[in-house]
PDB file of N, CA and C in Angstrom:
ATOM      1  N   MET A   1      -0.767 -42.784 -78.588  1.00  0.00           N
ATOM      2  CA  MET A   1      -2.048 -41.743 -78.107  1.00  0.00           C
ATOM      3  C   MET A   1      -2.749 -43.093 -77.866  1.00  0.00           C
ATOM      4  N   VAL A   2      -4.226 -42.792 -77.485  1.00  0.00           N
ATOM      5  CA  VAL A   2      -4.947 -43.585 -77.006  1.00  0.00           C
ATOM      6  C   VAL A   2      -6.344 -43.646 -77.804  1.00  0.00           C
ATOM      7  N   LYS A   3      -6.821 -44.554 -78.632  1.00  0.00           N
ATOM      8  CA  LYS A   3      -7.985 -44.482 -79.017  1.00  0.00           C
ATOM      9  C   LYS A   3      -9.214 -43.838 -78.286  1.00  0.00           C
ATOM     10  N   HIS A   4      -9.987 -43.242 -78.520  1.00  0.00           N
ATOM     11  CA  HIS A   4     -10.836 -42.663 -77.795  1.00  0.00           C
ATOM     12  C   HIS A   4     -11.173 -42.441 -76.110  1.00  0.00           C
ATOM     13  N   SER A   5      -9.765 -41.593 -76.338  1.00  0.00           N
ATOM     14  CA  SER A   5      -9.256 -41.944 -74.382  1.00  0.00           C
ATOM     15  C   SER A   5      -9.824 -42.785 -73.441  1.00  0.00           C
ATOM     16  N   VAL A   6      -9.632 -43.805 -73.815  1.00  0.00           N
ATOM     17  CA  VAL A   6      -9.828 -45.105 -72.672  1.00  0.00           C
ATOM     18  C   VAL A   6      -8.689 -46.000 -72.690  1.00  0.00           C
ATOM     19  N   CYS A   7      -7.997 -46.031 -71.475  1.00  0.00           N
ATOM     20  CA  CYS A   7      -6.847 -46.878 -71.221  1.00  0.00           C
ATOM     21  C   CYS A   7      -7.152 -47.599 -70.214  1.00  0.00           C
ATOM     22  N   ARG A   8      -7.628 -48.832 -70.462  1.00  0.00           N
ATOM     23  CA  ARG A   8      -7.871 -49.857 -69.021  1.00  0.00           C
ATOM     24  C   ARG A   8      -6.719 -51.187 -69.389  1.00  0.00           C
ATOM     25  N   GLN A   9      -7.190 -51.516 -67.755  1.00  0.00           N
ATOM     26  CA  GLN A   9      -6.004 -53.250 -67.859  1.00  0.00           C
ATOM     27  C   GLN A   9      -7.066 -54.303 -67.799  1.00  0.00           C
ATOM     28  N   ARG A  10      -6.538 -54.688 -69.342  1.00  0.00           N
ATOM     29  CA  ARG A  10      -7.573 -56.370 -69.056  1.00  0.00           C
ATOM     30  C   ARG A  10      -7.200 -57.583 -68.241  1.00  0.00           C
ATOM     31  N   THR A  11      -7.610 -58.120 -67.360  1.00  0.00           N
ATOM     32  CA  THR A  11      -7.633 -58.890 -66.680  1.00  0.00           C
ATOM     33  C   THR A  11      -8.414 -60.912 -67.543  1.00  0.00           C
ATOM     34  N   TRP A  12      -7.559 -61.248 -67.482  1.00  0.00           N
ATOM     35  CA  TRP A  12      -8.141 -62.650 -68.260  1.00  0.00           C
ATOM     36  C   TRP A  12      -8.891 -63.531 -67.013  1.00  0.00           C
ATOM     37  N   ARG A  13      -9.754 -64.184 -67.138  1.00  0.00           N
ATOM     38  CA  ARG A  13     -10.207 -65.361 -66.274  1.00  0.00           C
ATOM     39  C   ARG A  13     -10.201 -66.511 -66.858  1.00  0.00           C
ATOM     40  N   LYS A  14     -10.167 -67.385 -65.984  1.00  0.00           N
ATOM     41  CA  LYS A  14     -10.068 -69.122 -66.671  1.00  0.00           C
ATOM     42  C   LYS A  14     -11.622 -69.780 -66.171  1.00  0.00           C
ATOM     43  N   LEU A  15     -12.360 -70.322 -67.189  1.00  0.00           N
ATOM     44  CA  LEU A  15     -13.454 -71.311 -66.350  1.00  0.00           C
ATOM     45  C   LEU A  15     -13.346 -72.422 -66.831  1.00  0.00           C
ATOM     46  N   HIS A  16     -13.434 -73.076 -65.470  1.00  0.00           N
ATOM     47  CA  HIS A  16     -12.993 -74.922 -65.820  1.00  0.00           C
ATOM     48  C   HIS A  16     -14.090 -75.248 -65.301  1.00  0.00           C
ATOM     49  N   LEU A  17     -14.619 -76.118 -66.380  1.00  0.00           N
ATOM     50  CA  LEU A  17     -15.643 -77.112 -66.825  1.00  0.00           C
ATOM     51  C   LEU A  17     -15.781 -78.344 -66.144  1.00  0.00           C
ATOM     52  N   GLY A  18     -16.594 -79.196 -65.263  1.00  0.00           N
ATOM     53  CA  GLY A  18     -17.046 -80.250 -65.129  1.00  0.00           C
ATOM     54  C   GLY A  18     -18.141 -80.655 -65.983  1.00  0.00           C
ATOM     55  N   ILE A  19     -17.769 -81.594 -67.269  1.00  0.00           N
ATOM     56  CA  ILE A  19     -18.652 -82.135 -68.221  1.00  0.00           C
ATOM     57  C   ILE A  19     -19.300 -83.690 -68.051  1.00  0.00           C
ATOM     58  N   ASP A  20     -20.224 -83.946 -67.459  1.00  0.00           N
ATOM     59  CA  ASP A  20     -20.725 -85.393 -67.970  1.00  0.00           C
ATOM     60  C   ASP A  20     -20.561 -85.980 -69.108  1.00  0.00           C
ATOM     61  N   GLU A  21     -19.743 -87.425 -69.190  1.00  0.00           N
ATOM     62  CA  GLU A  21     -19.582 -87.774 -70.570  1.00  0.00           C
ATOM     63  C   GLU A  21     -20.743 -87.960 -71.254  1.00  0.00           C
ATOM     64  N   ASN A  22     -21.904 -88.949 -70.759  1.00  0.00           N
ATOM     65  CA  ASN A  22     -23.165 -89.043 -71.229  1.00  0.00           C
ATOM     66  C   ASN A  22     -23.959 -88.355 -71.507  1.00  0.00           C
ATOM     67  N   THR A  23     -24.078 -87.372 -70.761  1.00  0.00           N
ATOM     68  CA  THR A  23     -25.266 -86.267 -71.202  1.00  0.00           C
ATOM     69  C   THR A  23     -24.778 -85.074 -71.361  1.00  0.00           C
ATOM     70  N   LYS A  24     -23.539 -84.768 -71.581  1.00  0.00           N
ATOM     71  CA  LYS A  24     -22.975 -83.464 -72.449  1.00  0.00           C
ATOM     72  C   LYS A  24     -23.061 -82.312 -71.429  1.00  0.00           C
ATOM     73  N   GLU A  25     -23.702 -82.451 -70.364  1.00  0.00           N
ATOM     74  CA  GLU A  25     -24.503 -81.663 -68.992  1.00  0.00           C
ATOM     75  C   GLU A  25     -23.289 -80.760 -68.117  1.00  0.00           C
ATOM     76  N   ILE A  26     -22.802 -79.577 -67.895  1.00  0.00           N
ATOM     77  CA  ILE A  26     -22.008 -79.214 -67.336  1.00  0.00           C
ATOM     78  C   ILE A  26     -22.632 -79.412 -65.920  1.00  0.00           C
ATOM     79  N   VAL A  27     -21.774 -79.949 -65.105  1.00  0.00           N
ATOM     80  CA  VAL A  27     -21.717 -80.569 -63.859  1.00  0.00           C
ATOM     81  C   VAL A  27     -20.989 -79.664 -62.344  1.00  0.00           C
ATOM     82  N   ALA A  28     -20.273 -79.401 -62.956  1.00  0.00           N
ATOM     83  CA  ALA A  28     -19.427 -78.310 -62.114  1.00  0.00           C
ATOM     84  C   ALA A  28     -18.658 -77.323 -62.745  1.00  0.00           C
ATOM     85  N   VAL A  29     -18.549 -76.109 -62.230  1.00  0.00           N
ATOM     86  CA  VAL A  29     -18.186 -74.741 -62.613  1.00  0.00           C
ATOM     87  C   VAL A  29     -17.024 -73.822 -61.583  1.00  0.00           C
ATOM     88  N   GLU A  30     -16.140 -73.515 -62.231  1.00  0.00           N
ATOM     89  CA  GLU A  30     -15.020 -72.665 -61.007  1.00  0.00           C
ATOM     90  C   GLU A  30     -14.559 -71.940 -62.208  1.00  0.00           C
ATOM     91  N   LEU A  31     -14.688 -70.021 -61.641  1.00  0.00           N
ATOM     92  CA  LEU A  31     -14.110 -69.175 -62.626  1.00  0.00           C
ATOM     93  C   LEU A  31     -13.110 -68.994 -61.590  1.00  0.00           C
ATOM     94  N   THR A  32     -11.496 -68.416 -62.388  1.00  0.00           N
ATOM     95  CA  THR A  32     -10.804 -67.882 -61.114  1.00  0.00           C
ATOM     96  C   THR A  32     -10.107 -67.007 -62.163  1.00  0.00           C
ATOM     97  N   GLY A  33      -8.957 -66.489 -61.416  1.00  0.00           N
ATOM     98  CA  GLY A  33      -7.925 -65.463 -62.143  1.00  0.00           C
ATOM     99  C   GLY A  33      -6.888 -66.101 -63.122  1.00  0.00           C
ATOM    100  N   SER A  34      -6.600 -65.364 -64.113  1.00  0.00           N
ATOM    101  CA  SER A  34      -5.355 -66.013 -64.803  1.00  0.00           C
ATOM    102  C   SER A  34      -4.140 -66.841 -64.399  1.00  0.00           C
ATOM    103  N   ARG A  35      -3.800 -66.565 -62.903  1.00  0.00           N
ATOM    104  CA  ARG A  35      -2.600 -67.126 -62.625  1.00  0.00           C
ATOM    105  C   ARG A  35      -2.991 -68.115 -61.531  1.00  0.00           C
ATOM    106  N   VAL A  36      -3.595 -68.569 -61.272  1.00  0.00           N
ATOM    107  CA  VAL A  36      -4.525 -69.587 -60.903  1.00  0.00           C
ATOM    108  C   VAL A  36      -3.923 -71.011 -61.833  1.00  0.00           C
ATOM    109  N   HIS A  37      -3.579 -72.186 -60.926  1.00  0.00           N
ATOM    110  CA  HIS A  37      -2.811 -73.365 -61.851  1.00  0.00           C
ATOM    111  C   HIS A  37      -4.166 -74.325 -62.081  1.00  0.00           C
ATOM    112  N   ASP A  38      -4.640 -74.642 -62.790  1.00  0.00           N
ATOM    113  CA  ASP A  38      -5.443 -75.536 -63.525  1.00  0.00           C
ATOM    114  C   ASP A  38      -5.673 -76.664 -62.139  1.00  0.00           C
ATOM    115  N   SER A  39      -4.354 -77.219 -61.913  1.00  0.00           N
ATOM    116  CA  SER A  39      -4.650 -78.534 -60.772  1.00  0.00           C
ATOM    117  C   SER A  39      -5.177 -77.764 -59.703  1.00  0.00           C
ATOM    118  N   GLN A  40      -4.724 -76.544 -59.317  1.00  0.00           N
ATOM    119  CA  GLN A  40      -5.447 -76.292 -57.966  1.00  0.00           C
ATOM    120  C   GLN A  40      -7.104 -76.598 -57.861  1.00  0.00           C
ATOM    121  N   GLN A  41      -7.591 -76.068 -59.036  1.00  0.00           N
ATOM    122  CA  GLN A  41      -9.092 -75.850 -59.167  1.00  0.00           C
ATOM    123  C   GLN A  41      -9.508 -77.624 -59.305  1.00  0.00           C
ATOM    124  N   PHE A  42      -9.114 -78.375 -59.326  1.00  0.00           N
ATOM    125  CA  PHE A  42      -9.609 -79.865 -59.329  1.00  0.00           C
ATOM    126  C   PHE A  42     -10.508 -80.467 -58.755  1.00  0.00           C
ATOM    127  N   PRO A  43      -9.863 -80.232 -57.216  1.00  0.00           N
ATOM    128  CA  PRO A  43     -10.336 -81.373 -56.102  1.00  0.00           C
ATOM    129  C   PRO A  43     -12.060 -80.081 -55.824  1.00  0.00           C
ATOM    130  N   SER A  44     -11.542 -78.928 -56.256  1.00  0.00           N
ATOM    131  CA  SER A  44     -13.100 -78.304 -55.770  1.00  0.00           C
ATOM    132  C   SER A  44     -14.453 -78.546 -56.762  1.00  0.00           C
ATOM    133  N   LEU A  45     -13.796 -78.877 -57.968  1.00  0.00           N
ATOM    134  CA  LEU A  45     -14.679 -79.596 -59.250  1.00  0.00           C
ATOM    135  C   LEU A  45     -15.660 -80.783 -58.823  1.00  0.00           C
ATOM    136  N   LEU A  46     -14.195 -81.628 -58.674  1.00  0.00           N
ATOM    137  CA  LEU A  46     -15.012 -82.816 -58.033  1.00  0.00           C
ATOM    138  C   LEU A  46     -15.932 -83.107 -56.513  1.00  0.00           C
ATOM    139  N   GLU A  47     -15.670 -81.782 -55.745  1.00  0.00           N
ATOM    140  CA  GLU A  47     -16.632 -81.844 -54.686  1.00  0.00           C
ATOM    141  C   GLU A  47     -17.784 -81.337 -54.969  1.00  0.00           C
ATOM    142  N   GLN A  48     -18.129 -80.961 -56.354  1.00  0.00           N
ATOM    143  CA  GLN A  48     -19.400 -80.086 -56.117  1.00  0.00           C
ATOM    144  C   GLN A  48     -20.379 -80.970 -57.186  1.00  0.00           C
ATOM    145  N   ILE A  49     -19.824 -82.582 -57.829  1.00  0.00           N
ATOM    146  CA  ILE A  49     -20.575 -83.439 -58.403  1.00  0.00           C
ATOM    147  C   ILE A  49     -21.044 -84.210 -57.290  1.00  0.00           C
ATOM    148  N   PRO A  50     -22.235 -84.192 -57.058  1.00  0.00           N
ATOM    149  CA  PRO A  50     -23.228 -85.158 -56.018  1.00  0.00           C
ATOM    150  C   PRO A  50     -23.379 -86.496 -56.447  1.00  0.00           C
ATOM    151  N   ASP A  51     -23.183 -87.356 -57.727  1.00  0.00           N
ATOM    152  CA  ASP A  51     -23.294 -88.355 -58.116  1.00  0.00           C
ATOM    153  C   ASP A  51     -22.077 -88.988 -58.041  1.00  0.00           C
ATOM    154  N   PRO A  52     -21.825 -90.524 -57.887  1.00  0.00           N
ATOM    155  CA  PRO A  52     -20.907 -91.193 -58.127  1.00  0.00           C
ATOM    156  C   PRO A  52     -19.983 -91.161 -59.748  1.00  0.00           C
ATOM    157  N   ILE A  53     -18.445 -91.085 -59.312  1.00  0.00           N
ATOM    158  CA  ILE A  53     -18.094 -90.561 -60.328  1.00  0.00           C
ATOM    159  C   ILE A  53     -17.000 -91.827 -60.762  1.00  0.00           C
ATOM    160  N   GLY A  54     -17.162 -92.091 -61.568  1.00  0.00           N
ATOM    161  CA  GLY A  54     -16.361 -93.617 -62.329  1.00  0.00           C
ATOM    162  C   GLY A  54     -15.278 -93.539 -62.945  1.00  0.00           C
ATOM    163  N   GLN A  55     -15.159 -92.382 -63.746  1.00  0.00           N
ATOM    164  CA  GLN A  55     -13.772 -91.874 -64.245  1.00  0.00           C
ATOM    165  C   GLN A  55     -13.569 -90.614 -64.873  1.00  0.00           C
ATOM    166  N   VAL A  56     -12.640 -90.199 -64.306  1.00  0.00           N
ATOM    167  CA  VAL A  56     -11.980 -88.576 -64.856  1.00  0.00           C
ATOM    168  C   VAL A  56     -11.264 -88.271 -66.101  1.00  0.00           C
ATOM    169  N   TRP A  57     -11.568 -87.818 -67.003  1.00  0.00           N
ATOM    170  CA  TRP A  57     -10.575 -87.611 -67.877  1.00  0.00           C
ATOM    171  C   TRP A  57      -9.838 -86.207 -67.969  1.00  0.00           C
ATOM    172  N   ALA A  58      -8.750 -85.831 -67.919  1.00  0.00           N
ATOM    173  CA  ALA A  58      -7.915 -84.300 -67.831  1.00  0.00           C
ATOM    174  C   ALA A  58      -7.273 -84.203 -68.816  1.00  0.00           C
ATOM    175  N   ALA A  59      -7.243 -82.942 -69.460  1.00  0.00           N
ATOM    176  CA  ALA A  59      -6.751 -82.187 -70.553  1.00  0.00           C
ATOM    177  C   ALA A  59      -5.702 -81.496 -70.056  1.00  0.00           C
ATOM    178  N   GLY A  60      -4.807 -80.993 -70.601  1.00  0.00           N
ATOM    179  CA  GLY A  60      -3.994 -79.526 -70.897  1.00  0.00           C
ATOM    180  C   GLY A  60      -2.669 -80.136 -69.538  1.00  0.00           C
ATOM    181  N   PRO A  61      -2.345 -78.868 -68.943  1.00  0.00           N
ATOM    182  CA  PRO A  61      -0.930 -78.755 -68.241  1.00  0.00           C
ATOM    183  C   PRO A  61      -1.154 -78.798 -67.235  1.00  0.00           C
ATOM    184  N   THR A  62      -1.552 -80.117 -66.596  1.00  0.00           N
ATOM    185  CA  THR A  62      -2.519 -80.145 -64.962  1.00  0.00           C
ATOM    186  C   THR A  62      -0.946 -81.005 -64.007  1.00  0.00           C
ATOM    187  N   THR A  63      -1.081 -80.701 -63.027  1.00  0.00           N
ATOM    188  CA  THR A  63      -0.192 -81.500 -61.885  1.00  0.00           C
ATOM    189  C   THR A  63      -0.587 -82.900 -62.123  1.00  0.00           C
ATOM    190  N   ARG A  64      -0.343 -83.471 -62.518  1.00  0.00           N
ATOM    191  CA  ARG A  64      -0.723 -85.176 -62.385  1.00  0.00           C
ATOM    192  C   ARG A  64      -0.739 -86.106 -61.136  1.00  0.00           C
ATOM    193  N   LYS A  65       0.243 -85.546 -59.982  1.00  0.00           N
ATOM    194  CA  LYS A  65       0.201 -85.686 -59.042  1.00  0.00           C
ATOM    195  C   LYS A  65      -0.825 -85.551 -58.135  1.00  0.00           C
ATOM    196  N   ARG A  66      -1.514 -84.368 -58.076  1.00  0.00           N
ATOM    197  CA  ARG A  66      -2.746 -83.774 -57.600  1.00  0.00           C
ATOM    198  C   ARG A  66      -3.675 -84.035 -57.959  1.00  0.00           C
ATOM    199  N   VAL A  67      -4.192 -84.123 -59.311  1.00  0.00           N
ATOM    200  CA  VAL A  67      -5.250 -85.044 -59.938  1.00  0.00           C
ATOM    201  C   VAL A  67      -5.379 -86.208 -60.006  1.00  0.00           C
ATOM    202  N   THR A  68      -4.168 -87.074 -59.918  1.00  0.00           N
ATOM    203  CA  THR A  68      -4.824 -88.353 -59.517  1.00  0.00           C
ATOM    204  C   THR A  68      -5.029 -88.911 -57.839  1.00  0.00           C
ATOM    205  N   LYS A  69      -4.374 -88.093 -57.124  1.00  0.00           N
ATOM    206  CA  LYS A  69      -4.900 -87.909 -55.643  1.00  0.00           C
ATOM    207  C   LYS A  69      -6.187 -87.406 -55.529  1.00  0.00           C
ATOM    208  N   SER A  70      -6.615 -86.867 -56.451  1.00  0.00           N
ATOM    209  CA  SER A  70      -8.076 -86.017 -55.924  1.00  0.00           C
ATOM    210  C   SER A  70      -9.352 -87.217 -56.731  1.00  0.00           C
ATOM    211  N   CYS A  71      -8.274 -87.764 -57.667  1.00  0.00           N
ATOM    212  CA  CYS A  71      -9.596 -88.703 -58.469  1.00  0.00           C
ATOM    213  C   CYS A  71      -9.694 -90.013 -57.553  1.00  0.00           C
ATOM    214  N   PHE A  72      -8.352 -90.789 -57.013  1.00  0.00           N
ATOM    215  CA  PHE A  72      -8.912 -91.243 -56.166  1.00  0.00           C
ATOM    216  C   PHE A  72      -9.306 -91.377 -54.728  1.00  0.00           C
ATOM    217  N   GLY A  73      -9.531 -89.886 -54.188  1.00  0.00           N
ATOM    218  CA  GLY A  73     -10.152 -89.632 -53.367  1.00  0.00           C
ATOM    219  C   GLY A  73     -11.384 -89.809 -52.946  1.00  0.00           C
ATOM    220  N   VAL A  74     -11.767 -89.673 -54.495  1.00  0.00           N
ATOM    221  CA  VAL A  74     -13.367 -89.726 -54.640  1.00  0.00           C
ATOM    222  C   VAL A  74     -14.099 -90.954 -55.139  1.00  0.00           C
ATOM    223  N   GLY A  75     -12.972 -91.878 -55.257  1.00  0.00           N
ATOM    224  CA  GLY A  75     -13.315 -93.509 -56.118  1.00  0.00           C
ATOM    225  C   GLY A  75     -13.270 -93.202 -57.475  1.00  0.00           C
ATOM    226  N   ALA A  76     -12.967 -92.639 -58.041  1.00  0.00           N
ATOM    227  CA  ALA A  76     -12.620 -92.260 -59.624  1.00  0.00           C
ATOM    228  C   ALA A  76     -11.365 -92.917 -60.482  1.00  0.00           C
ATOM    229  N   MET A  77     -11.160 -93.070 -61.508  1.00  0.00           N
ATOM    230  CA  MET A  77     -10.329 -93.765 -62.354  1.00  0.00           C
ATOM    231  C   MET A  77      -9.937 -92.576 -62.820  1.00  0.00           C
ATOM    232  N   PRO A  78      -8.504 -91.927 -62.910  1.00  0.00           N
ATOM    233  CA  PRO A  78      -8.090 -91.031 -63.233  1.00  0.00           C
ATOM    234  C   PRO A  78      -7.677 -91.291 -65.221  1.00  0.00           C
ATOM    235  N   THR A  79      -8.083 -90.647 -65.801  1.00  0.00           N
ATOM    236  CA  THR A  79      -7.589 -90.786 -67.567  1.00  0.00           C
ATOM    237  C   THR A  79      -6.922 -89.745 -68.130  1.00  0.00           C
ATOM    238  N   LEU A  80      -5.359 -90.125 -68.214  1.00  0.00           N
ATOM    239  CA  LEU A  80      -4.370 -88.473 -68.413  1.00  0.00           C
ATOM    240  C   LEU A  80      -3.646 -88.810 -69.498  1.00  0.00           C
ATOM    241  N   ALA A  81      -3.808 -87.851 -70.147  1.00  0.00           N
ATOM    242  CA  ALA A  81      -2.876 -87.838 -71.743  1.00  0.00           C
ATOM    243  C   ALA A  81      -1.649 -88.319 -70.871  1.00  0.00           C
ATOM    244  N   PRO A  82      -0.444 -88.904 -71.907  1.00  0.00           N
ATOM    245  CA  PRO A  82       0.671 -89.168 -71.343  1.00  0.00           C
ATOM    246  C   PRO A  82       1.090 -88.078 -71.912  1.00  0.00           C
ATOM    247  N   LEU A  83       2.956 -87.921 -71.282  1.00  0.00           N
ATOM    248  CA  LEU A  83       3.663 -87.146 -71.581  1.00  0.00           C
ATOM    249  C   LEU A  83       4.249 -87.402 -72.720  1.00  0.00           C
ATOM    250  N   CYS A  84       5.113 -86.564 -73.656  1.00  0.00           N
ATOM    251  CA  CYS A  84       5.779 -86.850 -74.941  1.00  0.00           C
ATOM    252  C   CYS A  84       7.272 -88.102 -74.009  1.00  0.00           C
ATOM    253  N   THR A  85       7.572 -87.704 -72.629  1.00  0.00           N
ATOM    254  CA  THR A  85       8.752 -88.540 -71.955  1.00  0.00           C
ATOM    255  C   THR A  85       8.089 -89.884 -71.397  1.00  0.00           C
ATOM    256  N   ALA A  86       7.004 -90.151 -71.612  1.00  0.00           N
ATOM    257  CA  ALA A  86       6.077 -90.960 -70.548  1.00  0.00           C
ATOM    258  C   ALA A  86       6.777 -92.496 -70.798  1.00  0.00           C
ATOM    259  N   GLN A  87       6.823 -93.523 -69.636  1.00  0.00           N
ATOM    260  CA  GLN A  87       7.596 -94.624 -69.597  1.00  0.00           C
ATOM    261  C   GLN A  87       6.589 -95.281 -68.984  1.00  0.00           C
ATOM    262  N   LEU A  88       6.499 -96.860 -69.762  1.00  0.00           N
ATOM    263  CA  LEU A  88       5.583 -97.912 -68.916  1.00  0.00           C
ATOM    264  C   LEU A  88       5.427 -97.973 -67.627  1.00  0.00           C
ATOM    265  N   CYS A  89       4.756 -98.505 -66.899  1.00  0.00           N
ATOM    266  CA  CYS A  89       4.867 -98.215 -65.773  1.00  0.00           C
ATOM    267  C   CYS A  89       4.552 -99.661 -64.881  1.00  0.00           C
ATOM    268  N   THR A  90       4.609-100.177 -64.388  1.00  0.00           N
ATOM    269  CA  THR A  90       3.960-101.323 -63.736  1.00  0.00           C
ATOM    270  C   THR A  90       3.845-101.598 -62.337  1.00  0.00           C
ATOM    271  N   LYS A  91       3.511-100.694 -61.733  1.00  0.00           N
ATOM    272  CA  LYS A  91       3.133-100.299 -60.704  1.00  0.00           C
ATOM    273  C   LYS A  91       1.508-100.020 -60.757  1.00  0.00           C
ATOM    274  N   ASP A  92       0.886-100.528 -59.613  1.00  0.00           N
ATOM    275  CA  ASP A  92      -0.639-100.188 -59.848  1.00  0.00           C
ATOM    276  C   ASP A  92      -0.641 -98.893 -59.454  1.00  0.00           C
ATOM    277  N   PRO A  93      -1.389 -97.767 -60.181  1.00  0.00           N
ATOM    278  CA  PRO A  93      -1.619 -96.245 -59.422  1.00  0.00           C
ATOM    279  C   PRO A  93      -2.110 -96.034 -58.209  1.00  0.00           C
ATOM    280  N   ALA A  94      -2.720 -97.147 -57.844  1.00  0.00           N
ATOM    281  CA  ALA A  94      -3.347 -96.711 -56.469  1.00  0.00           C
ATOM    282  C   ALA A  94      -2.268 -96.973 -55.010  1.00  0.00           C
ATOM    283  N   THR A  95      -1.539 -97.791 -55.595  1.00  0.00           N
ATOM    284  CA  THR A  95      -0.649 -97.546 -54.051  1.00  0.00           C
ATOM    285  C   THR A  95       0.685 -96.018 -54.780  1.00  0.00           C
ATOM    286  N   ARG A  96       0.829 -95.990 -55.957  1.00  0.00           N
ATOM    287  CA  ARG A  96       1.772 -94.949 -56.213  1.00  0.00           C
ATOM    288  C   ARG A  96       1.571 -93.474 -55.545  1.00  0.00           C
ATOM    289  N   PHE A  97       0.565 -92.935 -55.266  1.00  0.00           N
ATOM    290  CA  PHE A  97      -0.093 -92.072 -55.164  1.00  0.00           C
ATOM    291  C   PHE A  97      -1.359 -92.140 -54.165  1.00  0.00           C
ATOM    292  N   PRO A  98      -0.815 -92.661 -52.796  1.00  0.00           N
ATOM    293  CA  PRO A  98      -2.012 -93.459 -51.804  1.00  0.00           C
ATOM    294  C   PRO A  98      -3.025 -92.023 -50.795  1.00  0.00           C
ATOM    295  N   VAL A  99      -4.039 -92.224 -50.490  1.00  0.00           N
ATOM    296  CA  VAL A  99      -4.557 -91.247 -50.267  1.00  0.00           C
ATOM    297  C   VAL A  99      -4.616 -91.323 -49.017  1.00  0.00           C
ATOM    298  N   LYS A 100      -4.544 -89.651 -48.639  1.00  0.00           N
ATOM    299  CA  LYS A 100      -3.932 -89.670 -47.049  1.00  0.00           C
ATOM    300  C   LYS A 100      -5.135 -89.053 -45.991  1.00  0.00           C
TER     301      LYS A 100
END
C-alpha cells in the first residue's frame, strides 16, 4: 500500500563546508551526491578560499594522504584527529607526503 499514491525515490546529498575559524563565516561550499567520498571534494574546497590558509582542521572519514597533500599544496598545516590505531611518528609530515 502506498500512502496517498505517491512513490518516489529519495536521493541524498552531502553539503561540504569550509568555515573560517575566526569569523565563523562559510568561505567554501560544495554540494555532492551521496556516493562521493569526502576527501574527493577537499581540494576543490581549498581552491575556493582566496585568503592564505594557515591551518586546516578536518574531521570524519577522510583519506588522510589526499587531505594532507592538498593542505601542503596551498601552504596550510593539516590538523587531523588521530585514528584509534595511531602510533607516534618522528618524521616531518612535509617529507612523508611530498607535493608533486
